[in-house]
Amino acid sequence: MPNIKSAIKRVKTTEKKAVANKITKSAIRTSVKKAKAAVESSAPDAAAVVSQAVISIDKAAAKGYMHKNTAARKKSRMAKAVNKLK
């Protein structure tokens, strides 16, 4: 543990941000996982589930949780999978 007051504050804020990042990234992964499962099972509401996943990916990319190219790649692959169902 650091002795300097500002360093102690940085440790605390870093821990808080790490927890928040973990929660957000987990939610993103969950939505992507649900979308993949819906597409694989050819669910009737697959397009709606994928659109929700795309929204969460867009928000993640905008807030810096995910790189914009990674977000674009994931969205493209999901759209391709949904279009294959039709």
Protein backbone atom coordinates (compact mmCIF):
# COMPACT_ATOMS: atom_id res chain seq x y z
CA MET A 1 0.00 0.00 0.00
CA PRO A 2 1.36 3.43 -0.89
CA ASN A 3 2.21 6.03 1.72
CA ILE A 4 1.52 9.16 -0.30
CA LYS A 5 -2.03 10.49 -0.06
CA SER A 6 -2.53 10.99 -3.81
CA ALA A 7 -1.22 7.49 -4.52
CA ILE A 8 -3.66 6.04 -1.97
CA LYS A 9 -6.50 7.87 -3.74
CA ARG A 10 -5.35 6.54 -7.12
CA VAL A 11 -5.40 2.97 -5.79
CA LYS A 12 -8.97 3.44 -4.53
CA THR A 13 -10.25 4.98 -7.76
CA THR A 14 -8.49 2.34 -9.84
CA GLU A 15 -10.20 -0.41 -7.84
CA LYS A 16 -13.61 1.25 -8.28
CA LYS A 17 -13.08 1.65 -12.02
CA ALA A 18 -11.89 -1.96 -12.33
CA VAL A 19 -15.10 -3.20 -10.73
CA ALA A 20 -17.25 -0.98 -12.96
CA ASN A 21 -15.34 -2.09 -16.08
CA LYS A 22 -15.73 -5.73 -15.12
CA ILE A 23 -19.50 -5.37 -14.70
CA THR A 24 -19.90 -3.55 -18.00
CA LYS A 25 -17.72 -5.93 -20.00
CA SER A 26 -19.54 -8.89 -18.50
CA ALA A 27 -22.90 -7.44 -19.55
CA ILE A 28 -21.60 -6.92 -23.08
CA ARG A 29 -20.32 -10.49 -23.27
CA THR A 30 -23.65 -11.79 -21.97
CA SER A 31 -25.65 -9.92 -24.61
CA VAL A 32 -23.34 -11.19 -27.37
CA LYS A 33 -23.62 -14.73 -26.02
CA LYS A 34 -27.43 -14.53 -25.99
CA ALA A 35 -27.41 -13.25 -29.56
CA LYS A 36 -25.19 -16.10 -30.74
CA ALA A 37 -27.40 -18.63 -28.98
CA ALA A 38 -30.53 -17.15 -30.55
CA VAL A 39 -28.99 -17.29 -34.03
CA GLU A 40 -27.70 -20.85 -33.58
CA SER A 41 -31.08 -22.10 -32.37
CA SER A 42 -32.87 -20.22 -35.20
CA ALA A 43 -35.13 -18.53 -32.66
CA PRO A 44 -37.97 -16.44 -34.10
CA ASP A 45 -36.82 -13.39 -32.11
CA ALA A 46 -33.18 -13.75 -33.16
CA ALA A 47 -33.16 -10.45 -35.04
CA ALA A 48 -34.45 -8.57 -31.98
CA VAL A 49 -31.88 -10.18 -29.69
CA VAL A 50 -29.09 -9.38 -32.14
CA SER A 51 -30.22 -5.77 -32.42
CA GLN A 52 -30.03 -5.44 -28.62
CA ALA A 53 -26.52 -6.91 -28.70
CA VAL A 54 -25.54 -4.45 -31.43
CA ILE A 55 -26.80 -1.56 -29.30
CA SER A 56 -24.74 -2.74 -26.31
CA ILE A 57 -21.67 -3.15 -28.54
CA ASP A 58 -22.11 0.36 -29.94
CA LYS A 59 -22.35 1.82 -26.44
CA ALA A 60 -19.29 -0.13 -25.34
CA ALA A 61 -17.27 1.16 -28.29
CA ALA A 62 -18.43 4.73 -27.67
CA LYS A 63 -17.43 4.60 -24.01
CA GLY A 64 -14.08 2.94 -24.69
CA TYR A 65 -14.75 -0.52 -23.27
CA MET A 66 -14.09 -2.00 -26.69
CA HIS A 67 -12.08 -0.85 -29.71
CA LYS A 68 -14.21 0.48 -32.57
CA ASN A 69 -12.85 -2.04 -35.06
CA THR A 70 -13.57 -4.91 -32.69
CA ALA A 71 -17.11 -3.62 -32.28
CA ALA A 72 -17.54 -3.32 -36.04
CA ARG A 73 -16.24 -6.86 -36.57
CA LYS A 74 -18.60 -8.34 -33.96
CA LYS A 75 -21.60 -6.45 -35.37
CA SER A 76 -20.75 -7.52 -38.90
CA ARG A 77 -20.49 -11.18 -37.97
CA MET A 78 -23.79 -11.08 -36.09
CA ALA A 79 -25.56 -9.37 -38.99
CA LYS A 80 -24.11 -11.93 -41.38
CA ALA A 81 -25.40 -14.78 -39.18
CA VAL A 82 -28.89 -13.26 -38.96
CA ASN A 83 -29.05 -12.70 -42.71
CA LYS A 84 -28.06 -16.34 -43.24
CA LEU A 85 -31.19 -17.40 -41.32
CA LYS A 86 -33.51 -15.53 -43.68
